Amino acid sequence: MTRRELAQPGATTEAIIERLTASENVCDNRRGADLQELLTLSRGPWRERFEILRFASMEEGALAVVCRLSVTGLVCRDGQPVRHGAFVCALGIPNSYPLAPPTVQFLGTIPWCGHVVHKDFLPEVSQLPPFLQEYLRQGHGRCCYVRSSQWRADVGTLAIALWQVSRLVSFDKTRGEVASLNPMARDYARRLAEDGGSVPLGPPLPYPRVDDLEQVGATAVAETPRTVEGDDVEWLPKETEGQPDAS
């Protein structure tokens, strides 16, 4: 099922889910199931913190879910980092999903974050490993939340991807990266963590748990479970935190 068949003007989330789940293509079925999970979360545990705004078509058969994340992060204004409470991003779902991971590109206001490409705070390309250099080529707003080699089709979902992005934007995960798409933001987050634990800046999205999805009327999950760990970029070993970065 092509992106043009799905992202028709005015198409509702329910209509797109119905078409995907009725498809004979197993990848379409998985996309439909994961979109249904997002829709359920938006009406339950993620209500008022996550909203599907619209759909758009992307290159090579990808479908983009344009959504709003109400997560506190930082933006840079007049050379200073300031708090910002919501961001819009395009969650790109490849035609071969879940064999290929979804992509995340922030639109409009770009978070000042070590995991997001910002045109005004670009790192030296030579200091980055090849997989991060690719993010720079993909441009302003692109977010690195997981390595393609670390993505697992059996457990990774669209909801897990957005949960992980919310942790990065809110500085809920600041253990010091080997390399960064925005070294200034990365170092700022590290200093915040070292100077008194003033991170995260706010709560990330609640982890999407099955029991919560069964209660669509629920308003929130009180706390993100700390036992769930997802690797986004390569982290420094704990004993080397604070030492100079290595590529």
C-alpha atoms as a PDB file:
ATOM      1  CA  MET A   1       0.000   0.000   0.000  1.00  0.00           C
ATOM      2  CA  THR A   2       1.657   3.237  -1.161  1.00  0.00           C
ATOM      3  CA  ARG A   3       2.024   6.419   0.845  1.00  0.00           C
ATOM      4  CA  ARG A   4      -0.192   8.260  -1.677  1.00  0.00           C
ATOM      5  CA  GLU A   5      -2.974   5.745  -1.123  1.00  0.00           C
ATOM      6  CA  LEU A   6      -2.782   6.332   2.633  1.00  0.00           C
ATOM      7  CA  ALA A   7      -2.013  10.033   3.090  1.00  0.00           C
ATOM      8  CA  GLN A   8      -5.028  11.400   1.269  1.00  0.00           C
ATOM      9  CA  PRO A   9      -6.110  14.936   2.270  1.00  0.00           C
ATOM     10  CA  GLY A  10      -8.446  14.763   5.235  1.00  0.00           C
ATOM     11  CA  ALA A  11      -7.805  11.081   5.931  1.00  0.00           C
ATOM     12  CA  THR A  12      -8.531  10.268   9.568  1.00  0.00           C
ATOM     13  CA  THR A  13      -6.275   8.160  11.759  1.00  0.00           C
ATOM     14  CA  GLU A  14      -9.030   5.568  12.076  1.00  0.00           C
ATOM     15  CA  ALA A  15      -9.430   5.325   8.291  1.00  0.00           C
ATOM     16  CA  ILE A  16      -5.702   4.853   7.746  1.00  0.00           C
ATOM     17  CA  ILE A  17      -5.539   2.191  10.455  1.00  0.00           C
ATOM     18  CA  GLU A  18      -8.484   0.372   8.869  1.00  0.00           C
ATOM     19  CA  ARG A  19      -6.843   0.329   5.440  1.00  0.00           C
ATOM     20  CA  LEU A  20      -3.531  -0.898   6.822  1.00  0.00           C
ATOM     21  CA  THR A  21      -5.013  -3.668   8.940  1.00  0.00           C
ATOM     22  CA  ALA A  22      -7.142  -4.861   5.996  1.00  0.00           C
ATOM     23  CA  SER A  23      -4.107  -5.093   3.713  1.00  0.00           C
ATOM     24  CA  GLU A  24      -2.633  -8.456   2.677  1.00  0.00           C
ATOM     25  CA  ASN A  25       0.848  -7.067   3.351  1.00  0.00           C
ATOM     26  CA  VAL A  26       2.175  -8.050   6.787  1.00  0.00           C
ATOM     27  CA  CYS A  27       4.218  -4.842   7.037  1.00  0.00           C
ATOM     28  CA  ASP A  28       1.042  -2.820   6.484  1.00  0.00           C
ATOM     29  CA  ASN A  29      -0.659  -4.857   9.221  1.00  0.00           C
ATOM     30  CA  ARG A  30       2.133  -4.044  11.659  1.00  0.00           C
ATOM     31  CA  ARG A  31       1.998  -0.350  10.773  1.00  0.00           C
ATOM     32  CA  GLY A  32      -1.731  -0.409  11.410  1.00  0.00           C
ATOM     33  CA  ALA A  33      -1.334  -2.118  14.782  1.00  0.00           C
ATOM     34  CA  ASP A  34       1.312   0.362  15.933  1.00  0.00           C
ATOM     35  CA  LEU A  35      -0.753   3.336  14.781  1.00  0.00           C
ATOM     36  CA  GLN A  36      -3.691   1.940  16.741  1.00  0.00           C
ATOM     37  CA  GLU A  37      -1.439   1.810  19.809  1.00  0.00           C
ATOM     38  CA  LEU A  38      -0.527   5.489  19.315  1.00  0.00           C
ATOM     39  CA  LEU A  39      -4.172   6.434  18.939  1.00  0.00           C
ATOM     40  CA  THR A  40      -5.070   4.534  22.122  1.00  0.00           C
ATOM     41  CA  LEU A  41      -2.220   6.171  24.039  1.00  0.00           C
ATOM     42  CA  SER A  42      -3.363   9.622  22.866  1.00  0.00           C
ATOM     43  CA  ARG A  43      -6.755   8.940  24.435  1.00  0.00           C
ATOM     44  CA  GLY A  44      -5.400   7.356  27.601  1.00  0.00           C
ATOM     45  CA  PRO A  45      -1.970   7.455  29.281  1.00  0.00           C
ATOM     46  CA  TRP A  46      -0.596  10.082  26.862  1.00  0.00           C
ATOM     47  CA  ARG A  47      -3.708  12.264  26.765  1.00  0.00           C
ATOM     48  CA  GLU A  48      -2.849  15.993  26.639  1.00  0.00           C
ATOM     49  CA  ARG A  49       0.824  15.067  26.114  1.00  0.00           C
ATOM     50  CA  PHE A  50       0.704  13.507  22.663  1.00  0.00           C
ATOM     51  CA  GLU A  51      -1.458  14.340  19.650  1.00  0.00           C
ATOM     52  CA  ILE A  52      -1.572  13.048  16.088  1.00  0.00           C
ATOM     53  CA  LEU A  53      -1.936  16.173  13.942  1.00  0.00           C
ATOM     54  CA  ARG A  54      -1.990  14.831  10.382  1.00  0.00           C
ATOM     55  CA  PHE A  55      -0.392  12.403   7.942  1.00  0.00           C
ATOM     56  CA  ALA A  56       1.950  13.115   5.057  1.00  0.00           C
ATOM     57  CA  SER A  57       3.746  11.139   2.366  1.00  0.00           C
ATOM     58  CA  MET A  58       7.508  10.747   2.306  1.00  0.00           C
ATOM     59  CA  GLU A  59      10.004   9.374  -0.163  1.00  0.00           C
ATOM     60  CA  GLU A  60      10.452   5.649  -0.882  1.00  0.00           C
ATOM     61  CA  GLY A  61       7.032   4.628   0.341  1.00  0.00           C
ATOM     62  CA  ALA A  62       7.281   6.038   3.862  1.00  0.00           C
ATOM     63  CA  LEU A  63       4.254   7.396   5.697  1.00  0.00           C
ATOM     64  CA  ALA A  64       4.820  10.317   8.080  1.00  0.00           C
ATOM     65  CA  VAL A  65       2.789  10.840  11.228  1.00  0.00           C
ATOM     66  CA  VAL A  66       3.024  14.509  12.168  1.00  0.00           C
ATOM     67  CA  CYS A  67       2.497  14.728  15.911  1.00  0.00           C
ATOM     68  CA  ARG A  68       2.863  17.044  18.890  1.00  0.00           C
ATOM     69  CA  LEU A  69       4.879  16.016  21.948  1.00  0.00           C
ATOM     70  CA  SER A  70       4.142  17.987  25.107  1.00  0.00           C
ATOM     71  CA  VAL A  71       7.526  17.382  26.706  1.00  0.00           C
ATOM     72  CA  THR A  72       9.727  20.015  28.354  1.00  0.00           C
ATOM     73  CA  GLY A  73      13.029  20.458  26.584  1.00  0.00           C
ATOM     74  CA  LEU A  74      15.348  23.305  25.670  1.00  0.00           C
ATOM     75  CA  VAL A  75      15.557  25.686  22.736  1.00  0.00           C
ATOM     76  CA  CYS A  76      18.292  28.241  22.103  1.00  0.00           C
ATOM     77  CA  ARG A  77      17.229  31.903  22.138  1.00  0.00           C
ATOM     78  CA  ASP A  78      19.704  34.766  21.873  1.00  0.00           C
ATOM     79  CA  GLY A  79      22.499  32.317  22.501  1.00  0.00           C
ATOM     80  CA  GLN A  80      21.003  30.962  25.730  1.00  0.00           C
ATOM     81  CA  PRO A  81      19.165  27.684  26.407  1.00  0.00           C
ATOM     82  CA  VAL A  82      15.607  28.234  27.636  1.00  0.00           C
ATOM     83  CA  ARG A  83      12.823  25.807  28.452  1.00  0.00           C
ATOM     84  CA  HIS A  84      10.184  24.978  25.887  1.00  0.00           C
ATOM     85  CA  GLY A  85       7.119  22.867  26.592  1.00  0.00           C
ATOM     86  CA  ALA A  86       6.062  21.254  23.296  1.00  0.00           C
ATOM     87  CA  PHE A  87       7.549  20.157  19.988  1.00  0.00           C
ATOM     88  CA  VAL A  88       6.197  18.947  16.656  1.00  0.00           C
ATOM     89  CA  CYS A  89       7.872  16.068  14.856  1.00  0.00           C
ATOM     90  CA  ALA A  90       7.322  13.843  11.843  1.00  0.00           C
ATOM     91  CA  LEU A  91       7.474  10.157  12.705  1.00  0.00           C
ATOM     92  CA  GLY A  92       8.445   8.465   9.461  1.00  0.00           C
ATOM     93  CA  ILE A  93       7.245   4.872   9.020  1.00  0.00           C
ATOM     94  CA  PRO A  94       9.193   3.097   6.248  1.00  0.00           C
ATOM     95  CA  ASN A  95       7.330   0.891   3.804  1.00  0.00           C
ATOM     96  CA  SER A  96       9.330  -2.067   5.155  1.00  0.00           C
ATOM     97  CA  TYR A  97       8.554  -1.271   8.812  1.00  0.00           C
ATOM     98  CA  PRO A  98       9.201  -2.930  11.258  1.00  0.00           C
ATOM     99  CA  LEU A  99      12.193  -4.457   9.454  1.00  0.00           C
ATOM    100  CA  ALA A 100      13.503  -0.890   9.165  1.00  0.00           C
ATOM    101  CA  PRO A 101      13.175   1.489  12.149  1.00  0.00           C
ATOM    102  CA  PRO A 102      11.001   4.617  12.093  1.00  0.00           C
ATOM    103  CA  THR A 103      12.669   7.993  11.684  1.00  0.00           C
ATOM    104  CA  VAL A 104      12.092  11.167  13.711  1.00  0.00           C
ATOM    105  CA  GLN A 105      12.457  14.700  12.333  1.00  0.00           C
ATOM    106  CA  PHE A 106      11.495  17.738  14.389  1.00  0.00           C
ATOM    107  CA  LEU A 107       9.663  20.509  12.548  1.00  0.00           C
ATOM    108  CA  GLY A 108       9.516  24.226  13.274  1.00  0.00           C
ATOM    109  CA  THR A 109      11.000  24.752  16.733  1.00  0.00           C
ATOM    110  CA  ILE A 110      13.987  22.415  17.049  1.00  0.00           C
ATOM    111  CA  PRO A 111      14.977  21.111  20.493  1.00  0.00           C
ATOM    112  CA  TRP A 112      18.443  22.049  21.733  1.00  0.00           C
ATOM    113  CA  CYS A 113      19.546  18.525  22.476  1.00  0.00           C
ATOM    114  CA  GLY A 114      22.660  16.423  21.957  1.00  0.00           C
ATOM    115  CA  HIS A 115      20.653  13.922  19.920  1.00  0.00           C
ATOM    116  CA  VAL A 116      19.091  16.369  17.435  1.00  0.00           C
ATOM    117  CA  VAL A 117      20.758  18.047  14.447  1.00  0.00           C
ATOM    118  CA  HIS A 118      20.638  21.834  14.808  1.00  0.00           C
ATOM    119  CA  LYS A 119      21.940  23.909  11.906  1.00  0.00           C
ATOM    120  CA  ASP A 120      23.434  26.519  14.277  1.00  0.00           C
ATOM    121  CA  PHE A 121      25.306  24.027  16.461  1.00  0.00           C
ATOM    122  CA  LEU A 122      26.810  21.489  14.105  1.00  0.00           C
ATOM    123  CA  PRO A 123      29.688  19.273  15.297  1.00  0.00           C
ATOM    124  CA  GLU A 124      32.866  18.602  13.347  1.00  0.00           C
ATOM    125  CA  VAL A 125      31.998  15.836  10.920  1.00  0.00           C
ATOM    126  CA  SER A 126      35.437  14.257  11.318  1.00  0.00           C
ATOM    127  CA  GLN A 127      34.763  13.716  15.027  1.00  0.00           C
ATOM    128  CA  LEU A 128      31.619  11.669  14.408  1.00  0.00           C
ATOM    129  CA  PRO A 129      31.276   7.965  13.658  1.00  0.00           C
ATOM    130  CA  PRO A 130      29.745   7.153  10.249  1.00  0.00           C
ATOM    131  CA  PHE A 131      26.242   6.447  11.567  1.00  0.00           C
ATOM    132  CA  LEU A 132      26.027   9.939  13.117  1.00  0.00           C
ATOM    133  CA  GLN A 133      27.479  11.573  10.006  1.00  0.00           C
ATOM    134  CA  GLU A 134      24.455  10.224   8.157  1.00  0.00           C
ATOM    135  CA  TYR A 135      22.151  12.135  10.520  1.00  0.00           C
ATOM    136  CA  LEU A 136      23.967  15.373   9.657  1.00  0.00           C
ATOM    137  CA  ARG A 137      23.405  14.700   5.965  1.00  0.00           C
ATOM    138  CA  GLN A 138      19.702  14.145   6.642  1.00  0.00           C
ATOM    139  CA  GLY A 139      19.524  17.681   7.981  1.00  0.00           C
ATOM    140  CA  HIS A 140      18.144  20.148  10.501  1.00  0.00           C
ATOM    141  CA  GLY A 141      15.829  18.579  13.061  1.00  0.00           C
ATOM    142  CA  ARG A 142      16.773  14.928  12.520  1.00  0.00           C
ATOM    143  CA  CYS A 143      16.859  12.978  15.781  1.00  0.00           C
ATOM    144  CA  CYS A 144      19.110  10.030  16.615  1.00  0.00           C
ATOM    145  CA  TYR A 145      17.214   7.936  19.151  1.00  0.00           C
ATOM    146  CA  VAL A 146      18.496   4.480  18.191  1.00  0.00           C
ATOM    147  CA  ARG A 147      21.105   2.946  15.915  1.00  0.00           C
ATOM    148  CA  SER A 148      19.630   1.023  13.019  1.00  0.00           C
ATOM    149  CA  SER A 149      21.769  -1.947  14.040  1.00  0.00           C
ATOM    150  CA  GLN A 150      20.177  -1.905  17.500  1.00  0.00           C
ATOM    151  CA  TRP A 151      16.575  -1.797  16.302  1.00  0.00           C
ATOM    152  CA  ARG A 152      14.655  -5.016  16.953  1.00  0.00           C
ATOM    153  CA  ALA A 153      11.569  -5.612  14.849  1.00  0.00           C
ATOM    154  CA  ASP A 154      10.061  -7.964  17.425  1.00  0.00           C
ATOM    155  CA  VAL A 155      10.016  -5.487  20.311  1.00  0.00           C
ATOM    156  CA  GLY A 156      10.451  -2.014  18.801  1.00  0.00           C
ATOM    157  CA  THR A 157       7.247  -0.058  18.184  1.00  0.00           C
ATOM    158  CA  LEU A 158       6.300   3.471  17.138  1.00  0.00           C
ATOM    159  CA  ALA A 159       5.283   4.174  20.741  1.00  0.00           C
ATOM    160  CA  ILE A 160       8.631   2.963  22.107  1.00  0.00           C
ATOM    161  CA  ALA A 161      10.435   5.216  19.616  1.00  0.00           C
ATOM    162  CA  LEU A 162       8.477   8.298  20.742  1.00  0.00           C
ATOM    163  CA  TRP A 163       8.940   7.398  24.416  1.00  0.00           C
ATOM    164  CA  GLN A 164      12.703   7.212  23.867  1.00  0.00           C
ATOM    165  CA  VAL A 165      12.706  10.561  22.028  1.00  0.00           C
ATOM    166  CA  SER A 166      10.808  12.155  24.926  1.00  0.00           C
ATOM    167  CA  ARG A 167      13.491  10.921  27.332  1.00  0.00           C
ATOM    168  CA  LEU A 168      16.256  12.479  25.238  1.00  0.00           C
ATOM    169  CA  VAL A 169      14.534  15.835  24.740  1.00  0.00           C
ATOM    170  CA  SER A 170      13.730  16.169  28.452  1.00  0.00           C
ATOM    171  CA  PHE A 171      17.281  15.149  29.470  1.00  0.00           C
ATOM    172  CA  ASP A 172      15.908  12.112  31.250  1.00  0.00           C
ATOM    173  CA  LYS A 173      18.909  10.243  29.871  1.00  0.00           C
ATOM    174  CA  THR A 174      22.214  12.102  30.229  1.00  0.00           C
ATOM    175  CA  ARG A 175      25.025   9.655  30.792  1.00  0.00           C
ATOM    176  CA  GLY A 176      27.511  11.303  28.478  1.00  0.00           C
ATOM    177  CA  GLU A 177      27.775  10.272  24.834  1.00  0.00           C
ATOM    178  CA  VAL A 178      30.939   9.331  22.999  1.00  0.00           C
ATOM    179  CA  ALA A 179      29.844  11.650  20.188  1.00  0.00           C
ATOM    180  CA  SER A 180      26.966  14.055  19.747  1.00  0.00           C
ATOM    181  CA  LEU A 181      24.958  15.829  17.074  1.00  0.00           C
ATOM    182  CA  ASN A 182      25.032  18.978  19.242  1.00  0.00           C
ATOM    183  CA  PRO A 183      28.098  18.919  21.518  1.00  0.00           C
ATOM    184  CA  MET A 184      27.168  22.193  23.258  1.00  0.00           C
ATOM    185  CA  ALA A 185      23.775  20.852  24.291  1.00  0.00           C
ATOM    186  CA  ARG A 186      25.318  17.527  25.293  1.00  0.00           C
ATOM    187  CA  ASP A 187      27.843  19.222  27.577  1.00  0.00           C
ATOM    188  CA  TYR A 188      25.174  21.504  29.048  1.00  0.00           C
ATOM    189  CA  ALA A 189      23.012  18.494  29.926  1.00  0.00           C
ATOM    190  CA  ARG A 190      26.000  16.779  31.504  1.00  0.00           C
ATOM    191  CA  ARG A 191      26.765  19.835  33.657  1.00  0.00           C
ATOM    192  CA  LEU A 192      23.156  20.043  34.799  1.00  0.00           C
ATOM    193  CA  ALA A 193      23.289  16.424  35.892  1.00  0.00           C
ATOM    194  CA  GLU A 194      26.605  16.916  37.706  1.00  0.00           C
ATOM    195  CA  ASP A 195      25.714  20.203  39.423  1.00  0.00           C
ATOM    196  CA  GLY A 196      22.745  19.102  41.455  1.00  0.00           C
ATOM    197  CA  GLY A 197      20.591  16.664  39.555  1.00  0.00           C
ATOM    198  CA  SER A 198      18.305  19.266  37.953  1.00  0.00           C
ATOM    199  CA  VAL A 199      17.443  16.780  35.225  1.00  0.00           C
ATOM    200  CA  PRO A 200      15.183  15.694  33.734  1.00  0.00           C
ATOM    201  CA  LEU A 201      13.727  19.057  32.815  1.00  0.00           C
ATOM    202  CA  GLY A 202      10.279  17.489  33.105  1.00  0.00           C
ATOM    203  CA  PRO A 203       8.720  14.042  32.925  1.00  0.00           C
ATOM    204  CA  PRO A 204       9.077  12.130  29.643  1.00  0.00           C
ATOM    205  CA  LEU A 205       6.100  10.381  28.156  1.00  0.00           C
ATOM    206  CA  PRO A 206       4.997   7.434  30.309  1.00  0.00           C
ATOM    207  CA  TYR A 207       6.324   4.104  29.108  1.00  0.00           C
ATOM    208  CA  PRO A 208       3.610   2.453  26.969  1.00  0.00           C
ATOM    209  CA  ARG A 209       2.533  -0.559  29.028  1.00  0.00           C
ATOM    210  CA  VAL A 210      -0.033  -3.128  27.938  1.00  0.00           C
ATOM    211  CA  ASP A 211      -2.119  -2.861  31.108  1.00  0.00           C
ATOM    212  CA  ASP A 212      -2.454   0.897  30.616  1.00  0.00           C
ATOM    213  CA  LEU A 213      -3.590   0.462  27.026  1.00  0.00           C
ATOM    214  CA  GLU A 214      -6.415  -1.724  28.266  1.00  0.00           C
ATOM    215  CA  GLN A 215      -7.708   1.246  30.235  1.00  0.00           C
ATOM    216  CA  VAL A 216      -8.305   3.889  27.576  1.00  0.00           C
ATOM    217  CA  GLY A 217      -9.928   6.187  30.115  1.00  0.00           C
ATOM    218  CA  ALA A 218      -6.797   6.391  32.255  1.00  0.00           C
ATOM    219  CA  THR A 219      -5.222   9.839  32.449  1.00  0.00           C
ATOM    220  CA  ALA A 220      -1.584   9.110  33.204  1.00  0.00           C
ATOM    221  CA  VAL A 221       1.017   6.675  34.392  1.00  0.00           C
ATOM    222  CA  ALA A 222       2.618   8.033  37.551  1.00  0.00           C
ATOM    223  CA  GLU A 223       6.212   7.119  36.837  1.00  0.00           C
ATOM    224  CA  THR A 224       8.295   5.843  33.956  1.00  0.00           C
ATOM    225  CA  PRO A 225       9.726   2.436  34.909  1.00  0.00           C
ATOM    226  CA  ARG A 226      13.477   2.718  35.365  1.00  0.00           C
ATOM    227  CA  THR A 227      14.026  -0.957  34.613  1.00  0.00           C
ATOM    228  CA  VAL A 228      13.442  -0.341  30.901  1.00  0.00           C
ATOM    229  CA  GLU A 229      16.595   0.816  29.126  1.00  0.00           C
ATOM    230  CA  GLY A 230      16.899   1.593  25.436  1.00  0.00           C
ATOM    231  CA  ASP A 231      20.234   2.524  23.853  1.00  0.00           C
ATOM    232  CA  ASP A 232      20.029   5.535  21.589  1.00  0.00           C
ATOM    233  CA  VAL A 233      23.667   6.390  20.850  1.00  0.00           C
ATOM    234  CA  GLU A 234      26.902   4.937  22.118  1.00  0.00           C
ATOM    235  CA  TRP A 235      27.456   5.854  25.760  1.00  0.00           C
ATOM    236  CA  LEU A 236      30.716   6.283  27.615  1.00  0.00           C
ATOM    237  CA  PRO A 237      31.500   3.551  30.150  1.00  0.00           C
ATOM    238  CA  LYS A 238      30.435   4.728  33.592  1.00  0.00           C
ATOM    239  CA  GLU A 239      34.010   4.986  34.872  1.00  0.00           C
ATOM    240  CA  THR A 240      34.967   7.334  32.009  1.00  0.00           C
ATOM    241  CA  GLU A 241      32.122   9.823  32.369  1.00  0.00           C
ATOM    242  CA  GLY A 242      33.417  13.389  32.440  1.00  0.00           C
ATOM    243  CA  GLN A 243      36.576  12.512  30.521  1.00  0.00           C
ATOM    244  CA  PRO A 244      37.230  13.862  27.010  1.00  0.00           C
ATOM    245  CA  ASP A 245      35.077  12.343  24.288  1.00  0.00           C
ATOM    246  CA  ALA A 246      36.320   9.701  21.899  1.00  0.00           C
ATOM    247  CA  SER A 247      34.874   9.132  18.454  1.00  0.00           C
END
